[in-house]
Structures are given as structure tokens and as C-alpha cells.
Amino acid sequence: MSLEAQKLNAQLQKYCETLSQEFDQIPQERKENLAKISQYIQAKRRAKKEINLTFICTHNSRRSQFGQVWAKVASVFYGIDHVQTYSGGTEVTACNIRTVKALQRAGVQIETMNEVSASAAVANNPRYAVILNSKVPTFYLFSKTYDDKTNPQKNFCAILVCSQADEACPVVLGAETRIYHGYTDPKHSDNTPQENETYDQTCREIAREMFYVFSLIK
């Protein structure tokens, strides 16, 4: 655990500490795919270069936002420096409030900003500030296309987390590496009694797998 991780809030730190106990729940074929992300990170570290990870799904509202947050938290927890995480979609909607609430239930401190993203090109697309600790710069969740000016335009690893985005983006311009690693969309449970449970499960699955990625870094 890194020194920065020791300063995560108690709820988030406890959540993080239990994730490694669940690595055996990750199927072997997914571990092999996740190892590709680790290999990219390792190569950039050896070259002493910034590590940029961009998570992409169709609407940039659920799975890609989870990926961005948990990859950053994992990098802090394992003490892997110079990691910047981003997310984007093939179209713009909004970061779904159910995504935000699931992250908050896991212990991530998130505050709603009053402003609306100037780059979003749609109304009702608020920014949510993610605050991990005083040493980690605050970053923001909002829906945007993956090539938005707030995301890296080159020298990044593109991680596609939904099949629609995978089909729509056979080539991600500027990406050094393109990896498809899909997750089931929790949207299917919206407005049902299972809503919170489904989002919590997706949130934890992505957290578990991002922590597995960073646990492989030496």
C-alpha cells in the first residue's frame, strides 16, 4: 500500500483492502486480457513516461466512468506514479447519477459541481468532482466523446468496455494500444428493485479487475 493510500478515507480504504481477496473470482481468460493493460503500464514505467489510460463505452455514462475512477484509485493504492485516467464515449449523454451513487457507497468522495461542461454540447451534463486525498489532484466525471479535448489525443491506452464501442471504434486514433475488455451494462436494472444491487456489483467488478491490473505491476 502506498503512503497516499494510507490517507484515503477510512471507508474507501477498507473497500480497497478487500478487493485483492477476490482476485480468484476473475476468470482466467479475463486475467489474461487484464494482463495486457498491466504490460502497457509496465512498458511506460520502464521508459519513464506518463501513463495515460482512456476507458471508452458508448455513452460515457456508466462503465467507462467506473473504469476511470477505479484505475486511478488502484494506481494510488499500489503506489504507481504518473498514471492519469480518462473516459469517453462515441456520443455524449451524461454521467449517470446511479454510477455516482454506487461510487459513493463504495466510499469514493464525489461532489456535484454547479457548472455544466462547456465541451459537452448538451444540456444537463454536470461535472462531478472526485476527491481522493490532498496529494491526488481532483478530477472530474462528465460525459464526453473519447476524442474530447480534455482527453489525451495521443500516447494512451484505449480500453473499450462495451461491445458497441468496440464495434464502432475498430481504430482509436492516437492510441498506442487498443484493448477490448467488456462489462455487462448495469442499465438493464434501471428503475427496478435490483437497481442499487446491480450497480454495486458492476462497480465492484470493475474495481476488482482494475486492482488486479495494478497488483501485477512490479
C-alpha atoms as a PDB file:
ATOM      1  CA  MET A   1       0.000   0.000   0.000  1.00  0.00           C
ATOM      2  CA  SER A   2       1.328   3.450  -0.883  1.00  0.00           C
ATOM      3  CA  LEU A   3       1.625   6.365   1.526  1.00  0.00           C
ATOM      4  CA  GLU A   4      -1.078   8.153  -0.469  1.00  0.00           C
ATOM      5  CA  ALA A   5      -3.431   5.196   0.005  1.00  0.00           C
ATOM      6  CA  GLN A   6      -2.968   5.392   3.747  1.00  0.00           C
ATOM      7  CA  LYS A   7      -4.619   8.784   3.557  1.00  0.00           C
ATOM      8  CA  LEU A   8      -7.727   7.599   1.729  1.00  0.00           C
ATOM      9  CA  ASN A   9     -10.842   7.973   3.799  1.00  0.00           C
ATOM     10  CA  ALA A  10     -11.497   5.017   6.080  1.00  0.00           C
ATOM     11  CA  GLN A  11     -14.497   3.658   4.167  1.00  0.00           C
ATOM     12  CA  LEU A  12     -12.726   3.712   0.806  1.00  0.00           C
ATOM     13  CA  GLN A  13      -9.531   2.269   2.236  1.00  0.00           C
ATOM     14  CA  LYS A  14     -11.439  -0.649   3.776  1.00  0.00           C
ATOM     15  CA  TYR A  15     -13.204  -1.279   0.464  1.00  0.00           C
ATOM     16  CA  CYS A  16      -9.876  -1.288  -1.365  1.00  0.00           C
ATOM     17  CA  GLU A  17      -8.166  -3.600   1.103  1.00  0.00           C
ATOM     18  CA  THR A  18     -10.726  -6.350   0.480  1.00  0.00           C
ATOM     19  CA  LEU A  19     -10.507  -6.361  -3.314  1.00  0.00           C
ATOM     20  CA  SER A  20      -7.340  -8.458  -3.543  1.00  0.00           C
ATOM     21  CA  GLN A  21      -9.125 -11.220  -1.624  1.00  0.00           C
ATOM     22  CA  GLU A  22     -11.475 -11.562  -4.608  1.00  0.00           C
ATOM     23  CA  PHE A  23      -8.949 -11.950  -7.421  1.00  0.00           C
ATOM     24  CA  ASP A  24      -9.830 -15.643  -7.591  1.00  0.00           C
ATOM     25  CA  GLN A  25     -13.302 -14.584  -8.756  1.00  0.00           C
ATOM     26  CA  ILE A  26     -11.813 -13.243 -12.010  1.00  0.00           C
ATOM     27  CA  PRO A  27     -11.950 -15.865 -14.800  1.00  0.00           C
ATOM     28  CA  GLN A  28      -8.558 -16.826 -16.208  1.00  0.00           C
ATOM     29  CA  GLU A  29      -9.332 -15.529 -19.692  1.00  0.00           C
ATOM     30  CA  ARG A  30     -10.178 -12.120 -18.247  1.00  0.00           C
ATOM     31  CA  LYS A  31      -6.978 -12.141 -16.192  1.00  0.00           C
ATOM     32  CA  GLU A  32      -5.025 -12.759 -19.377  1.00  0.00           C
ATOM     33  CA  ASN A  33      -6.725  -9.803 -21.030  1.00  0.00           C
ATOM     34  CA  LEU A  34      -6.193  -7.580 -17.998  1.00  0.00           C
ATOM     35  CA  ALA A  35      -2.514  -8.510 -18.079  1.00  0.00           C
ATOM     36  CA  LYS A  36      -2.281  -6.686 -21.422  1.00  0.00           C
ATOM     37  CA  ILE A  37      -3.155  -3.450 -19.632  1.00  0.00           C
ATOM     38  CA  SER A  38      -0.512  -4.206 -16.998  1.00  0.00           C
ATOM     39  CA  GLN A  39       2.065  -4.823 -19.695  1.00  0.00           C
ATOM     40  CA  TYR A  40       1.311  -1.439 -21.249  1.00  0.00           C
ATOM     41  CA  ILE A  41       1.729   0.247 -17.856  1.00  0.00           C
ATOM     42  CA  GLN A  42       4.966  -1.641 -17.175  1.00  0.00           C
ATOM     43  CA  ALA A  43       6.411  -0.616 -20.540  1.00  0.00           C
ATOM     44  CA  LYS A  44       5.618   3.052 -19.954  1.00  0.00           C
ATOM     45  CA  ARG A  45       7.140   2.887 -16.464  1.00  0.00           C
ATOM     46  CA  ARG A  46      10.343   1.365 -17.817  1.00  0.00           C
ATOM     47  CA  ALA A  47      10.508   4.152 -20.382  1.00  0.00           C
ATOM     48  CA  LYS A  48       9.858   6.687 -17.585  1.00  0.00           C
ATOM     49  CA  LYS A  49       6.895   8.121 -19.458  1.00  0.00           C
ATOM     50  CA  GLU A  50       3.450   9.294 -18.378  1.00  0.00           C
ATOM     51  CA  ILE A  51       0.826   6.530 -18.292  1.00  0.00           C
ATOM     52  CA  ASN A  52      -2.488   7.536 -19.866  1.00  0.00           C
ATOM     53  CA  LEU A  53      -5.463   5.170 -19.749  1.00  0.00           C
ATOM     54  CA  THR A  54      -8.702   6.094 -21.542  1.00  0.00           C
ATOM     55  CA  PHE A  55     -11.820   3.994 -20.886  1.00  0.00           C
ATOM     56  CA  ILE A  56     -14.369   4.052 -23.710  1.00  0.00           C
ATOM     57  CA  CYS A  57     -18.013   2.981 -23.904  1.00  0.00           C
ATOM     58  CA  THR A  58     -20.935   4.215 -25.980  1.00  0.00           C
ATOM     59  CA  HIS A  59     -22.442   6.931 -23.778  1.00  0.00           C
ATOM     60  CA  ASN A  60     -19.641   7.535 -21.249  1.00  0.00           C
ATOM     61  CA  SER A  61     -22.241   7.298 -18.506  1.00  0.00           C
ATOM     62  CA  ARG A  62     -21.576   4.086 -16.559  1.00  0.00           C
ATOM     63  CA  ARG A  63     -18.864   1.506 -17.259  1.00  0.00           C
ATOM     64  CA  SER A  64     -16.226   3.863 -18.639  1.00  0.00           C
ATOM     65  CA  GLN A  65     -16.725   6.221 -15.683  1.00  0.00           C
ATOM     66  CA  PHE A  66     -16.280   3.304 -13.259  1.00  0.00           C
ATOM     67  CA  GLY A  67     -13.125   2.325 -15.134  1.00  0.00           C
ATOM     68  CA  GLN A  68     -11.651   5.807 -14.946  1.00  0.00           C
ATOM     69  CA  VAL A  69     -12.244   6.103 -11.206  1.00  0.00           C
ATOM     70  CA  TRP A  70     -11.085   2.638 -10.165  1.00  0.00           C
ATOM     71  CA  ALA A  71      -7.956   2.657 -12.294  1.00  0.00           C
ATOM     72  CA  LYS A  72      -6.944   5.918 -10.625  1.00  0.00           C
ATOM     73  CA  VAL A  73      -7.766   4.639  -7.138  1.00  0.00           C
ATOM     74  CA  ALA A  74      -5.810   1.436  -7.839  1.00  0.00           C
ATOM     75  CA  SER A  75      -2.777   3.394  -9.013  1.00  0.00           C
ATOM     76  CA  VAL A  76      -2.828   5.380  -5.780  1.00  0.00           C
ATOM     77  CA  PHE A  77      -3.378   2.304  -3.624  1.00  0.00           C
ATOM     78  CA  TYR A  78      -0.454   0.421  -5.192  1.00  0.00           C
ATOM     79  CA  GLY A  79       1.812   3.469  -5.356  1.00  0.00           C
ATOM     80  CA  ILE A  80       2.149   3.556  -9.145  1.00  0.00           C
ATOM     81  CA  ASP A  81       3.041   7.136 -10.033  1.00  0.00           C
ATOM     82  CA  HIS A  82       2.423   9.138 -13.203  1.00  0.00           C
ATOM     83  CA  VAL A  83      -0.889   7.430 -14.011  1.00  0.00           C
ATOM     84  CA  GLN A  84      -3.628   9.581 -15.499  1.00  0.00           C
ATOM     85  CA  THR A  85      -7.039   8.088 -16.215  1.00  0.00           C
ATOM     86  CA  TYR A  86      -9.726   9.342 -18.584  1.00  0.00           C
ATOM     87  CA  SER A  87     -13.019   8.237 -20.081  1.00  0.00           C
ATOM     88  CA  GLY A  88     -15.108   8.990 -23.123  1.00  0.00           C
ATOM     89  CA  GLY A  89     -17.864   7.716 -25.375  1.00  0.00           C
ATOM     90  CA  THR A  90     -18.821   7.514 -29.003  1.00  0.00           C
ATOM     91  CA  GLU A  91     -21.571  10.019 -28.150  1.00  0.00           C
ATOM     92  CA  VAL A  92     -22.355  12.409 -25.315  1.00  0.00           C
ATOM     93  CA  THR A  93     -25.096  11.925 -22.715  1.00  0.00           C
ATOM     94  CA  ALA A  94     -24.346  12.434 -19.005  1.00  0.00           C
ATOM     95  CA  CYS A  95     -22.543  10.607 -16.242  1.00  0.00           C
ATOM     96  CA  ASN A  96     -25.431   8.609 -14.815  1.00  0.00           C
ATOM     97  CA  ILE A  97     -26.325   9.542 -11.248  1.00  0.00           C
ATOM     98  CA  ARG A  98     -26.622   5.829 -10.406  1.00  0.00           C
ATOM     99  CA  THR A  99     -22.933   5.462 -11.278  1.00  0.00           C
ATOM    100  CA  VAL A 100     -22.065   8.326  -8.957  1.00  0.00           C
ATOM    101  CA  LYS A 101     -24.138   6.919  -6.099  1.00  0.00           C
ATOM    102  CA  ALA A 102     -22.555   3.454  -6.435  1.00  0.00           C
ATOM    103  CA  LEU A 103     -19.090   5.010  -6.212  1.00  0.00           C
ATOM    104  CA  GLN A 104     -20.166   6.997  -3.173  1.00  0.00           C
ATOM    105  CA  ARG A 105     -21.492   3.858  -1.495  1.00  0.00           C
ATOM    106  CA  ALA A 106     -18.056   2.319  -2.034  1.00  0.00           C
ATOM    107  CA  GLY A 107     -16.501   5.242  -0.185  1.00  0.00           C
ATOM    108  CA  VAL A 108     -15.359   7.493  -3.053  1.00  0.00           C
ATOM    109  CA  GLN A 109     -15.799  11.158  -2.164  1.00  0.00           C
ATOM    110  CA  ILE A 110     -17.677  12.826  -5.011  1.00  0.00           C
ATOM    111  CA  GLU A 111     -19.123  16.311  -5.057  1.00  0.00           C
ATOM    112  CA  THR A 112     -21.581  17.717  -7.609  1.00  0.00           C
ATOM    113  CA  MET A 113     -20.329  20.848  -9.302  1.00  0.00           C
ATOM    114  CA  ASN A 114     -22.685  23.689 -10.220  1.00  0.00           C
ATOM    115  CA  GLU A 115     -21.179  24.203 -13.626  1.00  0.00           C
ATOM    116  CA  VAL A 116     -22.096  22.319 -16.785  1.00  0.00           C
ATOM    117  CA  SER A 117     -19.324  21.037 -19.021  1.00  0.00           C
ATOM    118  CA  ALA A 118     -18.587  23.609 -21.729  1.00  0.00           C
ATOM    119  CA  SER A 119     -17.351  20.865 -24.045  1.00  0.00           C
ATOM    120  CA  ALA A 120     -20.338  18.581 -23.629  1.00  0.00           C
ATOM    121  CA  ALA A 121     -22.540  20.203 -26.292  1.00  0.00           C
ATOM    122  CA  VAL A 122     -25.656  19.018 -24.477  1.00  0.00           C
ATOM    123  CA  ALA A 123     -27.640  20.315 -21.529  1.00  0.00           C
ATOM    124  CA  ASN A 124     -27.885  18.537 -18.203  1.00  0.00           C
ATOM    125  CA  ASN A 125     -24.380  17.110 -18.213  1.00  0.00           C
ATOM    126  CA  PRO A 126     -22.992  18.181 -14.823  1.00  0.00           C
ATOM    127  CA  ARG A 127     -19.447  17.648 -13.634  1.00  0.00           C
ATOM    128  CA  TYR A 128     -18.798  15.530 -10.553  1.00  0.00           C
ATOM    129  CA  ALA A 129     -15.563  16.181  -8.666  1.00  0.00           C
ATOM    130  CA  VAL A 130     -13.707  13.085  -7.425  1.00  0.00           C
ATOM    131  CA  ILE A 131     -11.600  13.853  -4.347  1.00  0.00           C
ATOM    132  CA  LEU A 132      -9.270  11.072  -3.168  1.00  0.00           C
ATOM    133  CA  ASN A 133      -6.917  12.971  -0.876  1.00  0.00           C
ATOM    134  CA  SER A 134      -4.901  16.185  -0.655  1.00  0.00           C
ATOM    135  CA  LYS A 135      -1.995  14.748  -2.676  1.00  0.00           C
ATOM    136  CA  VAL A 136      -4.042  13.484  -5.612  1.00  0.00           C
ATOM    137  CA  PRO A 137      -5.381  16.217  -7.907  1.00  0.00           C
ATOM    138  CA  THR A 138      -9.165  16.369  -8.075  1.00  0.00           C
ATOM    139  CA  PHE A 139     -10.549  15.029 -11.339  1.00  0.00           C
ATOM    140  CA  TYR A 140     -13.985  15.295 -12.885  1.00  0.00           C
ATOM    141  CA  LEU A 141     -16.601  12.917 -14.199  1.00  0.00           C
ATOM    142  CA  PHE A 142     -18.836  14.077 -17.042  1.00  0.00           C
ATOM    143  CA  SER A 143     -19.910  12.622 -20.360  1.00  0.00           C
ATOM    144  CA  LYS A 144     -17.769  13.445 -23.379  1.00  0.00           C
ATOM    145  CA  THR A 145     -16.587  11.815 -26.587  1.00  0.00           C
ATOM    146  CA  TYR A 146     -13.358   9.881 -26.286  1.00  0.00           C
ATOM    147  CA  ASP A 147     -11.566  12.417 -28.510  1.00  0.00           C
ATOM    148  CA  ASP A 148     -12.709  15.365 -26.369  1.00  0.00           C
ATOM    149  CA  LYS A 149     -10.013  17.997 -25.836  1.00  0.00           C
ATOM    150  CA  THR A 150      -9.882  17.129 -22.126  1.00  0.00           C
ATOM    151  CA  ASN A 151      -8.641  13.618 -23.044  1.00  0.00           C
ATOM    152  CA  PRO A 152      -5.207  12.736 -24.438  1.00  0.00           C
ATOM    153  CA  GLN A 153      -5.013  12.886 -28.222  1.00  0.00           C
ATOM    154  CA  LYS A 154      -2.014  10.553 -28.485  1.00  0.00           C
ATOM    155  CA  ASN A 155       0.199   8.268 -26.394  1.00  0.00           C
ATOM    156  CA  PHE A 156      -2.557   6.495 -24.468  1.00  0.00           C
ATOM    157  CA  CYS A 157      -4.019   3.035 -23.985  1.00  0.00           C
ATOM    158  CA  ALA A 158      -7.645   2.794 -25.141  1.00  0.00           C
ATOM    159  CA  ILE A 159      -9.678   0.314 -23.090  1.00  0.00           C
ATOM    160  CA  LEU A 160     -13.067  -0.384 -24.650  1.00  0.00           C
ATOM    161  CA  VAL A 161     -15.506  -1.605 -22.024  1.00  0.00           C
ATOM    162  CA  CYS A 162     -18.626  -2.225 -24.134  1.00  0.00           C
ATOM    163  CA  SER A 163     -19.213  -4.229 -27.293  1.00  0.00           C
ATOM    164  CA  GLN A 164     -20.970  -1.359 -29.109  1.00  0.00           C
ATOM    165  CA  ALA A 165     -17.959   0.911 -28.650  1.00  0.00           C
ATOM    166  CA  ASP A 166     -15.689  -1.947 -29.689  1.00  0.00           C
ATOM    167  CA  GLU A 167     -17.616  -2.293 -32.960  1.00  0.00           C
ATOM    168  CA  ALA A 168     -17.890   1.460 -33.500  1.00  0.00           C
ATOM    169  CA  CYS A 169     -14.179   2.097 -32.904  1.00  0.00           C
ATOM    170  CA  PRO A 170     -12.147  -0.529 -34.762  1.00  0.00           C
ATOM    171  CA  VAL A 171      -9.388   2.068 -34.680  1.00  0.00           C
ATOM    172  CA  VAL A 172      -8.966   4.636 -31.891  1.00  0.00           C
ATOM    173  CA  LEU A 173      -6.952   7.490 -33.358  1.00  0.00           C
ATOM    174  CA  GLY A 174      -3.906   8.389 -31.282  1.00  0.00           C
ATOM    175  CA  ALA A 175      -3.991   5.248 -29.145  1.00  0.00           C
ATOM    176  CA  GLU A 176      -0.726   3.343 -28.785  1.00  0.00           C
ATOM    177  CA  THR A 177      -2.643   0.256 -27.652  1.00  0.00           C
ATOM    178  CA  ARG A 178      -6.291  -0.731 -28.076  1.00  0.00           C
ATOM    179  CA  ILE A 179      -7.766  -3.361 -25.735  1.00  0.00           C
ATOM    180  CA  TYR A 180     -11.357  -4.604 -25.641  1.00  0.00           C
ATOM    181  CA  HIS A 181     -12.419  -5.663 -22.142  1.00  0.00           C
ATOM    182  CA  GLY A 182     -16.201  -5.677 -21.901  1.00  0.00           C
ATOM    183  CA  TYR A 183     -18.604  -5.485 -18.980  1.00  0.00           C
ATOM    184  CA  THR A 184     -22.366  -6.019 -18.802  1.00  0.00           C
ATOM    185  CA  ASP A 185     -24.216  -2.698 -18.806  1.00  0.00           C
ATOM    186  CA  PRO A 186     -25.944  -2.158 -15.424  1.00  0.00           C
ATOM    187  CA  LYS A 187     -28.533  -0.039 -17.244  1.00  0.00           C
ATOM    188  CA  HIS A 188     -30.768  -3.112 -17.582  1.00  0.00           C
ATOM    189  CA  SER A 189     -31.694  -2.762 -13.900  1.00  0.00           C
ATOM    190  CA  ASP A 190     -32.625   0.935 -14.003  1.00  0.00           C
ATOM    191  CA  ASN A 191     -35.899   1.677 -12.195  1.00  0.00           C
ATOM    192  CA  THR A 192     -36.171  -1.834 -10.750  1.00  0.00           C
ATOM    193  CA  PRO A 193     -35.861  -3.027  -7.133  1.00  0.00           C
ATOM    194  CA  GLN A 194     -32.473  -4.520  -8.089  1.00  0.00           C
ATOM    195  CA  GLU A 195     -31.036  -1.207  -9.271  1.00  0.00           C
ATOM    196  CA  ASN A 196     -28.645  -0.471  -6.391  1.00  0.00           C
ATOM    197  CA  GLU A 197     -27.505  -4.080  -6.147  1.00  0.00           C
ATOM    198  CA  THR A 198     -26.720  -4.266  -9.861  1.00  0.00           C
ATOM    199  CA  TYR A 199     -24.765  -1.016  -9.901  1.00  0.00           C
ATOM    200  CA  ASP A 200     -22.860  -2.029  -6.766  1.00  0.00           C
ATOM    201  CA  GLN A 201     -21.947  -5.355  -8.384  1.00  0.00           C
ATOM    202  CA  THR A 202     -20.718  -3.678 -11.578  1.00  0.00           C
ATOM    203  CA  CYS A 203     -18.838  -1.092  -9.558  1.00  0.00           C
ATOM    204  CA  ARG A 204     -17.095  -3.797  -7.549  1.00  0.00           C
ATOM    205  CA  GLU A 205     -16.360  -5.998 -10.557  1.00  0.00           C
ATOM    206  CA  ILE A 206     -14.587  -3.145 -12.313  1.00  0.00           C
ATOM    207  CA  ALA A 207     -12.811  -2.121  -9.108  1.00  0.00           C
ATOM    208  CA  ARG A 208     -11.637  -5.715  -8.547  1.00  0.00           C
ATOM    209  CA  GLU A 209     -10.295  -6.028 -12.066  1.00  0.00           C
ATOM    210  CA  MET A 210      -8.542  -2.650 -12.080  1.00  0.00           C
ATOM    211  CA  PHE A 211      -6.912  -3.566  -8.781  1.00  0.00           C
ATOM    212  CA  TYR A 212      -5.800  -6.851 -10.314  1.00  0.00           C
ATOM    213  CA  VAL A 213      -4.187  -4.897 -13.173  1.00  0.00           C
ATOM    214  CA  PHE A 214      -2.140  -2.756 -10.793  1.00  0.00           C
ATOM    215  CA  SER A 215      -1.307  -5.648  -8.465  1.00  0.00           C
ATOM    216  CA  LEU A 216       0.761  -7.100 -11.333  1.00  0.00           C
ATOM    217  CA  ILE A 217       2.976  -4.025 -11.611  1.00  0.00           C
ATOM    218  CA  LYS A 218       6.461  -4.588 -10.186  1.00  0.00           C
END
